[in-house]
Amino acid sequence: MLKITDLQKTFNPGTVNAKVALCGVDLTLEDGDFVTVIGGNGAGKSTLLNAIAGVWKPDYGAIELDGVDVTNMPEHKRAQFLGRVFQDPMKGTSPDMEIAENLAIASKRGIKRRFVWGVKKSDREEYRKLLATLELGLEDRLSTKVGLLSGGQRQAVTLLMATLNRPKLLLLDEHTAALDPKTASKVLALTNKIVTENHLTTLMITHNMHDAIAYGNRLIMMHEGNIVVDVRGEEKSKLTIEQLLYLFEASSGSKFGSDKAILSR
């Protein structure tokens, strides 16, 4: 579903501020893979997601989505293949529009638009059913403006919008980092439910080692623009934080530098 070959990216090349962000990354995801991504600050996690989404054009390498080479495809054109939820709950929605209107916009992603009534009665009934699955009481608030929702409610709606038209790949960029622990736990459980039930191929960046181990069928760790750890299946399910740190240190030659990632629960 995703094939990345020798992906390289340097910011501000040829200057004193040059920063090598990706050092020839190779990564292949099979259909339905749920991959958690963890690493310290500057490891290249968000740069990798931004390259896949088309925010950055790589200096070298190739990106394929479901057999389509999207390496040089503009961001707005490859959006038809992708769903994305950002760290900031304020992104990914239009705050001055109703929940129903936001969902209507999301339902048209990748589809040619026509001049028709934006939200039909049948659409509202469908959105009501979808929102009810979130178990947040939002099915009775279709006309509420999204900007009035709490951070957790907004992330839940954004997650629903990102997966409304089943994307080829779902990108989750630390989408619970700005939430309090209790709300983050609810959003993660909801994420796991949506990803599993819809068999979505997913890349989820997290700052939390506990979550990286608990969710998904595969885990990768990045360090200085490289993937240094890649575990999956039964090996991943049996991982402890101590074992993961050992794998990281053995592969990278460095100690993992984020106490927040280790201690967060």
Protein backbone atom coordinates (compact mmCIF):
# COMPACT_ATOMS: atom_id res chain seq x y z
CA MET A 1 0.00 0.00 0.00
CA LEU A 2 2.97 2.32 0.67
CA LYS A 3 6.46 1.93 -0.75
CA ILE A 4 9.19 4.44 0.09
CA THR A 5 12.57 4.03 -1.56
CA ASP A 6 15.79 5.85 -0.60
CA LEU A 7 13.96 8.97 0.59
CA GLN A 8 16.30 11.89 1.31
CA LYS A 9 15.61 15.42 2.52
CA THR A 10 17.91 18.23 3.67
CA PHE A 11 16.57 21.59 4.79
CA ASN A 12 18.57 24.77 4.03
CA PRO A 13 21.20 22.88 2.01
CA GLY A 14 24.53 24.60 1.47
CA THR A 15 24.09 26.92 4.45
CA VAL A 16 25.29 26.92 8.05
CA ASN A 17 21.71 25.98 8.99
CA ALA A 18 21.68 22.85 6.84
CA LYS A 19 19.74 20.04 8.52
CA VAL A 20 19.67 16.50 7.17
CA ALA A 21 16.16 15.28 8.03
CA LEU A 22 15.89 12.01 6.08
CA CYS A 23 18.89 9.86 5.15
CA GLY A 24 17.74 7.43 2.50
CA VAL A 25 14.68 5.98 4.23
CA ASP A 26 13.27 2.71 2.88
CA LEU A 27 9.83 1.62 4.11
CA THR A 28 7.12 -0.69 2.79
CA LEU A 29 3.64 -1.02 4.32
CA GLU A 30 1.30 -3.86 3.40
CA ASP A 31 -2.45 -3.37 3.10
CA GLY A 32 -3.91 -3.07 6.62
CA ASP A 33 -0.63 -2.47 8.45
CA PHE A 34 -1.03 -0.27 11.53
CA VAL A 35 2.46 1.12 12.17
CA THR A 36 3.40 3.23 15.16
CA VAL A 37 6.39 5.57 14.74
CA ILE A 38 8.47 6.87 17.63
CA GLY A 39 11.73 8.78 17.99
CA GLY A 40 13.28 11.79 19.69
CA ASN A 41 13.01 15.40 18.55
CA GLY A 42 14.53 15.85 15.12
CA ALA A 43 14.48 12.12 14.36
CA GLY A 44 12.61 12.71 11.09
CA LYS A 45 9.15 11.43 12.03
CA SER A 46 7.06 14.44 10.96
CA THR A 47 9.32 15.10 7.96
CA LEU A 48 8.55 11.57 6.78
CA LEU A 49 4.79 12.10 7.12
CA ASN A 50 5.01 15.51 5.43
CA ALA A 51 6.93 13.97 2.53
CA ILE A 52 4.22 11.32 2.11
CA ALA A 53 1.51 13.99 2.27
CA GLY A 54 3.31 16.20 -0.25
CA VAL A 55 4.13 19.09 2.08
CA TRP A 56 7.83 18.63 1.28
CA LYS A 57 9.26 17.46 -2.02
CA PRO A 58 12.11 15.02 -1.33
CA ASP A 59 15.59 15.74 -2.63
CA TYR A 60 15.87 12.16 -3.79
CA GLY A 61 13.93 8.91 -3.67
CA ALA A 62 10.43 7.72 -4.53
CA ILE A 63 7.03 7.40 -2.83
CA GLU A 64 4.37 5.02 -4.15
CA LEU A 65 0.81 4.74 -2.84
CA ASP A 66 -1.10 1.63 -3.92
CA GLY A 67 1.17 1.31 -6.96
CA VAL A 68 0.91 4.98 -7.97
CA ASP A 69 4.10 7.07 -7.97
CA VAL A 70 3.16 10.24 -6.07
CA THR A 71 6.70 11.55 -5.51
CA ASN A 72 6.16 14.65 -7.64
CA MET A 73 2.38 14.83 -7.31
CA PRO A 74 1.12 18.11 -5.77
CA GLU A 75 -0.23 17.96 -2.24
CA HIS A 76 -3.83 18.69 -3.24
CA LYS A 77 -3.86 15.90 -5.83
CA ARG A 78 -2.50 13.18 -3.59
CA ALA A 79 -5.05 14.17 -0.91
CA GLN A 80 -7.49 11.79 -2.62
CA PHE A 81 -5.33 8.89 -1.40
CA LEU A 82 -4.78 10.14 2.14
CA GLY A 83 -6.51 10.86 5.42
CA ARG A 84 -4.67 12.90 8.03
CA VAL A 85 -5.16 14.01 11.61
CA PHE A 86 -2.80 16.64 13.05
CA GLN A 87 -1.44 17.22 16.54
CA ASP A 88 -3.29 20.52 16.84
CA PRO A 89 -7.05 19.92 17.39
CA MET A 90 -7.67 23.24 15.60
CA LYS A 91 -6.39 21.83 12.30
CA GLY A 92 -8.26 19.57 9.94
CA THR A 93 -11.69 21.18 10.40
CA SER A 94 -13.44 24.45 9.58
CA PRO A 95 -14.29 25.91 13.02
CA ASP A 96 -16.98 28.32 11.79
CA MET A 97 -18.93 25.57 10.03
CA GLU A 98 -21.33 23.03 11.54
CA ILE A 99 -20.31 19.45 12.29
CA ALA A 100 -22.60 18.28 9.47
CA GLU A 101 -21.05 20.77 7.04
CA ASN A 102 -17.52 19.62 7.94
CA LEU A 103 -18.50 16.01 7.37
CA ALA A 104 -20.10 16.94 4.04
CA ILE A 105 -16.87 18.54 2.86
CA ALA A 106 -14.88 15.47 3.94
CA SER A 107 -17.27 13.15 2.10
CA LYS A 108 -16.42 14.91 -1.17
CA ARG A 109 -12.65 14.49 -0.88
CA GLY A 110 -11.27 13.26 -4.20
CA ILE A 111 -14.67 13.61 -5.89
CA LYS A 112 -15.55 16.21 -8.54
CA ARG A 113 -17.82 18.86 -7.02
CA ARG A 114 -21.15 20.05 -8.39
CA PHE A 115 -23.50 22.86 -7.43
CA VAL A 116 -25.96 20.95 -5.24
CA TRP A 117 -27.45 21.37 -1.79
CA GLY A 118 -24.53 20.98 0.62
CA VAL A 119 -26.10 18.75 3.29
CA LYS A 120 -29.18 16.76 2.33
CA LYS A 121 -31.59 15.17 4.79
CA SER A 122 -30.28 11.72 3.91
CA ASP A 123 -26.74 12.95 4.58
CA ARG A 124 -27.72 14.17 8.04
CA GLU A 125 -29.17 10.78 8.93
CA GLU A 126 -25.97 9.07 7.79
CA TYR A 127 -23.79 11.52 9.73
CA ARG A 128 -25.95 11.02 12.81
CA LYS A 129 -25.29 7.27 12.67
CA LEU A 130 -21.56 7.78 12.18
CA LEU A 131 -21.29 10.25 15.05
CA ALA A 132 -23.20 7.89 17.32
CA THR A 133 -20.34 5.37 16.94
CA LEU A 134 -18.05 7.89 18.66
CA GLU A 135 -20.18 7.64 21.82
CA LEU A 136 -19.65 11.33 22.59
CA GLY A 137 -23.24 12.53 22.18
CA LEU A 138 -22.32 14.46 19.02
CA GLU A 139 -25.07 12.80 16.97
CA ASP A 140 -27.50 15.28 18.55
CA ARG A 141 -25.29 18.28 17.78
CA LEU A 142 -25.06 18.22 13.99
CA SER A 143 -25.73 21.96 13.75
CA THR A 144 -23.07 22.86 16.37
CA LYS A 145 -20.09 24.77 15.03
CA VAL A 146 -16.92 22.67 15.30
CA GLY A 147 -15.04 25.55 16.94
CA LEU A 148 -17.27 25.17 20.01
CA LEU A 149 -16.22 21.56 20.62
CA SER A 150 -13.62 20.46 23.16
CA GLY A 151 -10.20 19.36 21.91
CA GLY A 152 -11.04 15.67 22.30
CA GLN A 153 -14.41 16.02 20.56
CA ARG A 154 -12.78 17.92 17.74
CA GLN A 155 -10.07 15.30 17.26
CA ALA A 156 -12.76 12.61 17.19
CA VAL A 157 -14.64 14.50 14.47
CA THR A 158 -11.39 15.07 12.55
CA LEU A 159 -10.64 11.35 12.76
CA LEU A 160 -14.09 10.58 11.40
CA MET A 161 -13.59 13.10 8.59
CA ALA A 162 -10.18 11.65 7.70
CA THR A 163 -11.65 8.15 7.34
CA LEU A 164 -15.09 8.97 5.91
CA ASN A 165 -13.97 8.06 2.39
CA ARG A 166 -11.73 5.08 3.11
CA PRO A 167 -8.22 6.45 2.41
CA LYS A 168 -5.40 4.38 0.95
CA LEU A 169 -3.29 5.57 3.88
CA LEU A 170 -4.17 7.23 7.18
CA LEU A 171 -1.54 9.57 8.67
CA LEU A 172 -1.78 10.37 12.39
CA ASP A 173 0.77 13.00 13.44
CA GLU A 174 0.88 12.83 17.27
CA HIS A 175 -2.87 13.39 17.16
CA THR A 176 -3.31 12.94 20.94
CA ALA A 177 -0.25 14.93 22.11
CA ALA A 178 -2.22 18.11 22.83
CA LEU A 179 -4.92 16.32 24.83
CA ASP A 180 -5.06 15.53 28.54
CA PRO A 181 -4.25 11.87 29.39
CA LYS A 182 -7.87 10.78 29.93
CA THR A 183 -9.08 12.35 26.67
CA ALA A 184 -6.01 11.07 24.80
CA SER A 185 -6.79 7.54 25.95
CA LYS A 186 -10.38 7.83 24.65
CA VAL A 187 -9.23 9.18 21.27
CA LEU A 188 -6.63 6.40 20.95
CA ALA A 189 -9.21 3.74 21.71
CA LEU A 190 -11.49 5.30 19.09
CA THR A 191 -8.58 5.40 16.62
CA ASN A 192 -7.86 1.72 17.15
CA LYS A 193 -11.55 0.87 16.66
CA ILE A 194 -11.85 2.81 13.39
CA VAL A 195 -8.52 1.55 11.99
CA THR A 196 -9.23 -2.09 12.90
CA GLU A 197 -12.85 -2.21 11.76
CA ASN A 198 -12.06 -0.54 8.43
CA HIS A 199 -8.77 -2.38 7.86
CA LEU A 200 -6.99 0.94 7.26
CA THR A 201 -3.31 1.11 6.44
CA THR A 202 -2.03 3.56 9.04
CA LEU A 203 1.11 5.41 10.11
CA MET A 204 0.77 6.84 13.63
CA ILE A 205 3.48 9.05 15.12
CA THR A 206 3.42 9.04 18.89
CA HIS A 207 5.57 10.57 21.64
CA ASN A 208 4.56 7.80 24.01
CA MET A 209 6.41 4.46 24.16
CA HIS A 210 3.55 2.77 26.00
CA ASP A 211 1.16 3.67 23.18
CA ALA A 212 3.69 2.75 20.48
CA ILE A 213 3.89 -0.76 21.93
CA ALA A 214 0.19 -1.14 22.77
CA TYR A 215 -1.25 -0.17 19.38
CA GLY A 216 -0.73 -1.52 15.89
CA ASN A 217 0.92 -4.61 14.46
CA ARG A 218 4.27 -2.97 13.75
CA LEU A 219 6.58 -0.41 15.38
CA ILE A 220 9.42 1.60 13.90
CA MET A 221 11.87 3.89 15.68
CA MET A 222 13.68 6.72 13.93
CA HIS A 223 16.96 8.38 14.79
CA GLU A 224 18.75 11.16 12.89
CA GLY A 225 16.72 10.60 9.72
CA ASN A 226 16.99 6.81 9.68
CA ILE A 227 14.77 3.90 10.68
CA VAL A 228 16.87 2.08 13.27
CA VAL A 229 14.29 -0.33 14.75
CA ASP A 230 11.51 -2.20 12.95
CA VAL A 231 9.55 -4.85 14.86
CA ARG A 232 6.24 -6.45 14.02
CA GLY A 233 3.78 -9.21 14.79
CA GLU A 234 4.40 -11.47 17.77
CA GLU A 235 7.79 -9.89 18.48
CA LYS A 236 6.10 -6.50 18.90
CA SER A 237 3.27 -7.84 21.04
CA LYS A 238 5.80 -9.17 23.57
CA LEU A 239 7.93 -6.01 23.69
CA THR A 240 8.64 -4.13 26.89
CA ILE A 241 9.93 -0.58 27.10
CA GLU A 242 13.25 -1.90 28.41
CA GLN A 243 13.62 -4.22 25.42
CA LEU A 244 12.69 -1.45 23.01
CA LEU A 245 15.30 0.86 24.53
CA TYR A 246 17.89 -1.90 24.23
CA LEU A 247 17.04 -2.41 20.54
CA PHE A 248 17.29 1.32 19.94
CA GLU A 249 20.68 1.66 21.65
CA ALA A 250 22.07 -1.44 19.93
CA SER A 251 20.99 -0.19 16.48
CA SER A 252 21.73 3.53 16.80
CA GLY A 253 24.71 3.50 19.16
CA SER A 254 22.97 6.20 21.19
CA LYS A 255 20.78 6.38 24.27
CA PHE A 256 17.16 7.33 23.66
CA GLY A 257 16.92 10.99 24.62
CA SER A 258 13.23 11.56 25.37
CA ASP A 259 12.27 10.98 29.00
CA LYS A 260 8.73 12.15 28.11
CA ALA A 261 8.32 9.28 25.65
CA ILE A 262 9.54 6.74 28.20
CA LEU A 263 7.59 8.01 31.20
CA SER A 264 4.30 9.05 29.57
CA ARG A 265 1.32 6.82 30.24
